[in-house]
């Protein structure tokens, strides 16, 4: 069993942006969540996530993972800003068993 993943970064929830280090992404096989003191907490089961996509066009400064989800009362745009490769972060999340 893989240990849960926790990554510090930033997040954009709808129109609200929390810069690094004010957001956290947590992932396990059963749950993915983005949280922060300025943005609240948004949690997803695997069934609620249609896709995880790399997002952004400026490496390091504005790159992240967009969560395409089916939760009707959450904002459409949920992005976790990260340092490093968004593609690699998605690989780490799926390696935990979050599909």
C-alpha atoms as a PDB file:
ATOM      1  CA  UNK A   1       0.000   0.000   0.000  1.00  0.00           C
ATOM      2  CA  UNK A   2       1.350   3.415  -1.009  1.00  0.00           C
ATOM      3  CA  UNK A   3       1.584   6.238   1.522  1.00  0.00           C
ATOM      4  CA  UNK A   4      -0.681   9.225   0.782  1.00  0.00           C
ATOM      5  CA  UNK A   5       0.821  12.077  -1.211  1.00  0.00           C
ATOM      6  CA  UNK A   6       0.912  15.675   0.087  1.00  0.00           C
ATOM      7  CA  UNK A   7       2.243  18.530  -2.032  1.00  0.00           C
ATOM      8  CA  UNK A   8       2.434  22.228  -1.132  1.00  0.00           C
ATOM      9  CA  UNK A   9       1.696  24.733  -3.865  1.00  0.00           C
ATOM     10  CA  UNK A  10      -0.935  27.219  -4.945  1.00  0.00           C
ATOM     11  CA  UNK A  11      -4.471  26.841  -6.253  1.00  0.00           C
ATOM     12  CA  UNK A  12      -7.084  28.542  -8.349  1.00  0.00           C
ATOM     13  CA  UNK A  13     -10.647  27.752  -7.368  1.00  0.00           C
ATOM     14  CA  UNK A  14     -13.057  29.519  -9.707  1.00  0.00           C
ATOM     15  CA  UNK A  15     -11.766  33.112  -9.704  1.00  0.00           C
ATOM     16  CA  UNK A  16      -9.956  32.894  -6.343  1.00  0.00           C
ATOM     17  CA  UNK A  17      -6.211  32.333  -6.492  1.00  0.00           C
ATOM     18  CA  UNK A  18      -4.084  31.217  -3.543  1.00  0.00           C
ATOM     19  CA  UNK A  19      -0.373  31.527  -4.294  1.00  0.00           C
ATOM     20  CA  UNK A  20       2.365  29.194  -3.084  1.00  0.00           C
ATOM     21  CA  UNK A  21       2.566  28.073  -0.239  1.00  0.00           C
ATOM     22  CA  UNK A  22      -1.074  28.623   0.686  1.00  0.00           C
ATOM     23  CA  UNK A  23      -2.563  25.489  -0.879  1.00  0.00           C
ATOM     24  CA  UNK A  24      -2.075  21.771  -0.455  1.00  0.00           C
ATOM     25  CA  UNK A  25      -2.914  18.830  -2.687  1.00  0.00           C
ATOM     26  CA  UNK A  26      -3.468  15.509  -0.925  1.00  0.00           C
ATOM     27  CA  UNK A  27      -3.992  12.233  -2.727  1.00  0.00           C
ATOM     28  CA  UNK A  28      -4.555   8.580  -1.924  1.00  0.00           C
ATOM     29  CA  UNK A  29      -6.178   5.719  -3.825  1.00  0.00           C
ATOM     30  CA  UNK A  30      -9.598   6.747  -2.427  1.00  0.00           C
ATOM     31  CA  UNK A  31      -9.484  10.563  -2.417  1.00  0.00           C
ATOM     32  CA  UNK A  32      -7.964  13.638  -4.032  1.00  0.00           C
ATOM     33  CA  UNK A  33      -8.291  17.015  -2.335  1.00  0.00           C
ATOM     34  CA  UNK A  34      -7.124  20.583  -2.749  1.00  0.00           C
ATOM     35  CA  UNK A  35      -7.249  22.786   0.337  1.00  0.00           C
ATOM     36  CA  UNK A  36      -6.027  26.047   1.774  1.00  0.00           C
ATOM     37  CA  UNK A  37      -6.899  28.650   4.347  1.00  0.00           C
ATOM     38  CA  UNK A  38      -8.015  31.113   1.665  1.00  0.00           C
ATOM     39  CA  UNK A  39      -9.874  28.654  -0.561  1.00  0.00           C
ATOM     40  CA  UNK A  40     -11.454  26.014   1.674  1.00  0.00           C
ATOM     41  CA  UNK A  41     -11.336  22.296   0.896  1.00  0.00           C
ATOM     42  CA  UNK A  42     -12.445  20.492  -2.260  1.00  0.00           C
ATOM     43  CA  UNK A  43     -12.387  16.696  -2.085  1.00  0.00           C
ATOM     44  CA  UNK A  44     -13.039  14.153  -4.811  1.00  0.00           C
ATOM     45  CA  UNK A  45     -13.522  10.415  -5.024  1.00  0.00           C
ATOM     46  CA  UNK A  46     -12.152   8.720  -8.171  1.00  0.00           C
ATOM     47  CA  UNK A  47     -15.685   8.556  -9.605  1.00  0.00           C
ATOM     48  CA  UNK A  48     -15.990  12.362  -9.382  1.00  0.00           C
ATOM     49  CA  UNK A  49     -12.836  13.070 -11.416  1.00  0.00           C
ATOM     50  CA  UNK A  50     -13.240  12.831 -15.182  1.00  0.00           C
ATOM     51  CA  UNK A  51      -9.591  13.777 -15.873  1.00  0.00           C
ATOM     52  CA  UNK A  52      -6.421  15.287 -14.493  1.00  0.00           C
ATOM     53  CA  UNK A  53      -4.671  17.490 -17.060  1.00  0.00           C
ATOM     54  CA  UNK A  54      -1.471  19.512 -17.144  1.00  0.00           C
ATOM     55  CA  UNK A  55      -2.413  23.198 -17.162  1.00  0.00           C
ATOM     56  CA  UNK A  56      -0.521  26.392 -17.941  1.00  0.00           C
ATOM     57  CA  UNK A  57       1.916  27.748 -20.427  1.00  0.00           C
ATOM     58  CA  UNK A  58       4.735  29.263 -18.367  1.00  0.00           C
ATOM     59  CA  UNK A  59       6.890  26.470 -16.907  1.00  0.00           C
ATOM     60  CA  UNK A  60       7.652  26.881 -13.184  1.00  0.00           C
ATOM     61  CA  UNK A  61       5.761  30.195 -12.882  1.00  0.00           C
ATOM     62  CA  UNK A  62       2.326  29.103 -14.033  1.00  0.00           C
ATOM     63  CA  UNK A  63       2.030  25.370 -14.410  1.00  0.00           C
ATOM     64  CA  UNK A  64      -0.257  23.030 -12.608  1.00  0.00           C
ATOM     65  CA  UNK A  65      -2.828  20.279 -12.683  1.00  0.00           C
ATOM     66  CA  UNK A  66      -6.420  20.978 -13.638  1.00  0.00           C
ATOM     67  CA  UNK A  67      -9.031  18.731 -12.046  1.00  0.00           C
ATOM     68  CA  UNK A  68     -11.894  18.082 -14.467  1.00  0.00           C
ATOM     69  CA  UNK A  69     -14.684  16.946 -12.154  1.00  0.00           C
ATOM     70  CA  UNK A  70     -18.392  16.153 -11.965  1.00  0.00           C
ATOM     71  CA  UNK A  71     -19.252  17.787  -8.613  1.00  0.00           C
ATOM     72  CA  UNK A  72     -22.047  20.229  -9.465  1.00  0.00           C
ATOM     73  CA  UNK A  73     -21.669  22.536  -6.453  1.00  0.00           C
ATOM     74  CA  UNK A  74     -17.883  23.026  -6.970  1.00  0.00           C
ATOM     75  CA  UNK A  75     -16.479  25.686  -9.315  1.00  0.00           C
ATOM     76  CA  UNK A  76     -15.674  24.373 -12.796  1.00  0.00           C
ATOM     77  CA  UNK A  77     -12.106  25.633 -12.660  1.00  0.00           C
ATOM     78  CA  UNK A  78     -10.007  23.889 -10.015  1.00  0.00           C
ATOM     79  CA  UNK A  79      -6.265  24.076 -10.635  1.00  0.00           C
ATOM     80  CA  UNK A  80      -3.431  23.144  -8.308  1.00  0.00           C
ATOM     81  CA  UNK A  81      -0.284  25.160  -9.093  1.00  0.00           C
ATOM     82  CA  UNK A  82       2.915  23.190  -8.559  1.00  0.00           C
ATOM     83  CA  UNK A  83       6.657  23.454  -8.951  1.00  0.00           C
ATOM     84  CA  UNK A  84       8.101  20.882 -11.273  1.00  0.00           C
ATOM     85  CA  UNK A  85       6.287  18.915 -13.918  1.00  0.00           C
ATOM     86  CA  UNK A  86       2.476  18.772 -13.754  1.00  0.00           C
ATOM     87  CA  UNK A  87       2.646  15.608 -15.849  1.00  0.00           C
ATOM     88  CA  UNK A  88       4.906  13.997 -13.229  1.00  0.00           C
ATOM     89  CA  UNK A  89       2.513  15.020 -10.425  1.00  0.00           C
ATOM     90  CA  UNK A  90      -0.368  13.370 -12.308  1.00  0.00           C
ATOM     91  CA  UNK A  91       1.760  10.217 -12.683  1.00  0.00           C
ATOM     92  CA  UNK A  92       2.424  10.214  -8.913  1.00  0.00           C
ATOM     93  CA  UNK A  93      -1.312  10.566  -8.179  1.00  0.00           C
ATOM     94  CA  UNK A  94      -2.280   7.701 -10.480  1.00  0.00           C
ATOM     95  CA  UNK A  95       0.560   5.533  -9.124  1.00  0.00           C
ATOM     96  CA  UNK A  96      -1.199   5.693  -5.746  1.00  0.00           C
ATOM     97  CA  UNK A  97      -4.177   3.962  -7.328  1.00  0.00           C
ATOM     98  CA  UNK A  98      -6.342   7.073  -7.819  1.00  0.00           C
ATOM     99  CA  UNK A  99      -7.906   6.348 -11.205  1.00  0.00           C
END
